[in-house]
Amino acid sequence: MKDEMVELGVLKLAVKSLGSSRDKEKETAVLLLHELSLHPHTCKQMGSEKGAILFLVGLTTNIDEDLQIARVAEKTLKNLEQMDVTVLQMAEAGRLHPLLSRLCEGTNKQEILQMSLPCFLSVSLCLSLSIISIMLSYSVHV
């Protein structure tokens, strides 16, 4: 059933609706994407849908706008973290923790590192700033 929905273009429409100014449309879209993210095959398709990861990451940072939407977007991204490709897309969108966790803990570190080199080029400045920020906050608390 879910595969048929994706084939009919529901996934593309839901991703487009994440950018809507209407809260109800955005909420319905993120709920649908969350449901689709529970299934590996549609999860993979969602990762390849242009803008899906970027919109979801953006929604998690807009907690003031709508806490419920941000929570569901967060759960959806957690489900999408099961795939290497989506983890790289998340890093490109500024969500670095899943990639860093994989690099530190994963068994296929070399494969992930090779896949992530282009990603690191685009987020290296962000990562450097994050590390500097952590170091500065640590030195202030010592």
Protein backbone atom coordinates (compact mmCIF):
# COMPACT_ATOMS: atom_id res chain seq x y z
CA MET A 1 0.00 0.00 0.00
CA LYS A 2 2.72 2.48 0.98
CA ASP A 3 4.77 1.70 -2.13
CA GLU A 4 1.72 2.37 -4.28
CA MET A 5 1.22 5.73 -2.55
CA VAL A 6 4.81 6.67 -3.31
CA GLU A 7 4.44 5.59 -6.93
CA LEU A 8 1.35 7.80 -7.25
CA GLY A 9 3.37 10.84 -6.18
CA VAL A 10 2.18 11.20 -2.60
CA LEU A 11 5.76 11.41 -1.33
CA LYS A 12 6.62 14.26 -3.69
CA LEU A 13 3.43 16.10 -2.73
CA ALA A 14 4.07 15.61 0.99
CA VAL A 15 7.63 16.97 0.69
CA LYS A 16 6.33 19.98 -1.22
CA SER A 17 3.70 20.53 1.50
CA LEU A 18 6.40 20.75 4.19
CA GLY A 19 7.14 24.22 2.85
CA SER A 20 3.52 25.32 3.06
CA SER A 21 2.55 28.37 5.06
CA ARG A 22 -0.59 26.54 6.21
CA ASP A 23 0.11 24.75 9.48
CA LYS A 24 -2.49 22.02 8.98
CA GLU A 25 -1.07 21.10 5.56
CA LYS A 26 2.46 21.03 6.98
CA GLU A 27 1.35 18.93 9.95
CA THR A 28 -0.45 16.42 7.73
CA ALA A 29 2.58 16.16 5.46
CA VAL A 30 5.04 15.55 8.29
CA LEU A 31 2.72 12.93 9.82
CA LEU A 32 2.49 11.14 6.47
CA LEU A 33 6.27 11.25 6.02
CA HIS A 34 6.72 9.88 9.51
CA GLU A 35 4.43 6.97 8.71
CA LEU A 36 6.33 6.31 5.47
CA SER A 37 9.65 6.45 7.32
CA LEU A 38 8.64 3.43 9.39
CA HIS A 39 9.11 1.16 6.37
CA PRO A 40 12.61 0.53 4.95
CA HIS A 41 11.68 0.67 1.27
CA THR A 42 9.70 3.91 1.49
CA CYS A 43 12.33 5.26 3.87
CA LYS A 44 14.89 4.77 1.11
CA GLN A 45 12.62 6.49 -1.41
CA MET A 46 12.10 9.39 0.97
CA GLY A 47 15.85 9.85 1.25
CA SER A 48 16.09 10.20 -2.50
CA GLU A 49 13.23 12.70 -2.76
CA LYS A 50 14.70 16.13 -3.41
CA GLY A 51 14.31 18.47 -0.45
CA ALA A 52 12.84 15.92 1.98
CA ILE A 53 15.79 15.83 4.39
CA LEU A 54 16.43 19.55 4.14
CA PHE A 55 12.79 20.41 4.93
CA LEU A 56 12.65 17.95 7.84
CA VAL A 57 15.88 19.27 9.35
CA GLY A 58 14.52 22.80 9.00
CA LEU A 59 11.30 21.85 10.77
CA THR A 60 13.22 20.47 13.76
CA THR A 61 14.88 23.83 14.27
CA ASN A 62 11.58 25.77 14.22
CA ILE A 63 10.40 24.68 17.65
CA ASP A 64 8.86 28.09 18.33
CA GLU A 65 6.70 27.81 15.21
CA ASP A 66 5.06 24.46 16.06
CA LEU A 67 6.41 22.07 18.69
CA GLN A 68 4.27 19.12 17.50
CA ILE A 69 5.52 19.39 13.91
CA ALA A 70 9.11 19.70 15.14
CA ARG A 71 8.74 16.55 17.28
CA VAL A 72 7.28 14.48 14.45
CA ALA A 73 9.98 15.75 12.06
CA GLU A 74 12.59 14.73 14.65
CA LYS A 75 11.13 11.21 14.92
CA THR A 76 11.06 10.95 11.13
CA LEU A 77 14.72 11.92 10.88
CA LYS A 78 15.58 9.35 13.56
CA ASN A 79 13.95 6.69 11.37
CA LEU A 80 15.86 7.95 8.33
CA GLU A 81 19.17 7.70 10.20
CA GLN A 82 19.17 3.97 9.47
CA MET A 83 20.51 4.63 5.97
CA ASP A 84 24.00 5.91 5.15
CA VAL A 85 22.81 8.07 2.26
CA THR A 86 20.27 9.94 4.35
CA VAL A 87 22.83 10.45 7.12
CA LEU A 88 25.07 12.19 4.59
CA GLN A 89 22.17 14.35 3.40
CA MET A 90 21.43 15.28 7.01
CA ALA A 91 25.05 16.37 7.46
CA GLU A 92 24.80 18.50 4.34
CA ALA A 93 21.72 20.12 5.88
CA GLY A 94 23.65 20.90 9.08
CA ARG A 95 22.57 17.90 11.17
CA LEU A 96 26.01 16.44 11.89
CA HIS A 97 25.41 14.21 14.91
CA PRO A 98 24.21 11.09 13.01
CA LEU A 99 27.24 11.18 10.70
CA LEU A 100 29.70 11.78 13.53
CA SER A 101 28.11 8.95 15.53
CA ARG A 102 28.45 6.59 12.58
CA LEU A 103 32.07 7.53 12.07
CA CYS A 104 32.88 6.99 15.75
CA GLU A 105 30.83 3.84 16.38
CA GLY A 106 30.05 2.19 13.06
CA THR A 107 31.65 -0.96 11.68
CA ASN A 108 31.79 0.36 8.13
CA LYS A 109 33.68 3.55 9.00
CA GLN A 110 35.87 3.47 5.89
CA GLU A 111 32.88 3.22 3.52
CA ILE A 112 31.05 6.03 5.28
CA LEU A 113 34.16 8.18 5.30
CA GLN A 114 34.68 7.67 1.57
CA MET A 115 31.03 8.46 0.84
CA SER A 116 31.13 11.50 3.08
CA LEU A 117 34.18 13.23 1.66
CA PRO A 118 32.15 15.45 -0.70
CA CYS A 119 29.76 16.11 2.17
CA PHE A 120 32.64 17.13 4.42
CA LEU A 121 33.81 19.64 1.89
CA SER A 122 30.47 21.45 2.13
CA VAL A 123 30.09 21.19 5.92
CA SER A 124 33.72 21.37 7.01
CA LEU A 125 33.42 25.02 7.96
CA CYS A 126 30.29 24.29 10.01
CA LEU A 127 32.02 21.38 11.73
CA SER A 128 35.11 23.47 12.44
CA LEU A 129 32.96 26.17 13.97
CA SER A 130 31.11 23.58 16.07
CA ILE A 131 34.38 22.15 17.39
CA ILE A 132 35.71 25.62 18.18
CA SER A 133 32.46 26.48 19.94
CA ILE A 134 32.63 23.30 22.06
CA MET A 135 36.25 23.95 22.92
CA LEU A 136 35.51 27.54 23.90
CA SER A 137 32.53 26.56 26.06
CA TYR A 138 34.63 23.85 27.72
CA SER A 139 37.48 26.24 28.49
CA VAL A 140 35.03 28.73 29.97
CA HIS A 141 33.64 26.07 32.36
CA VAL A 142 37.06 24.80 33.49
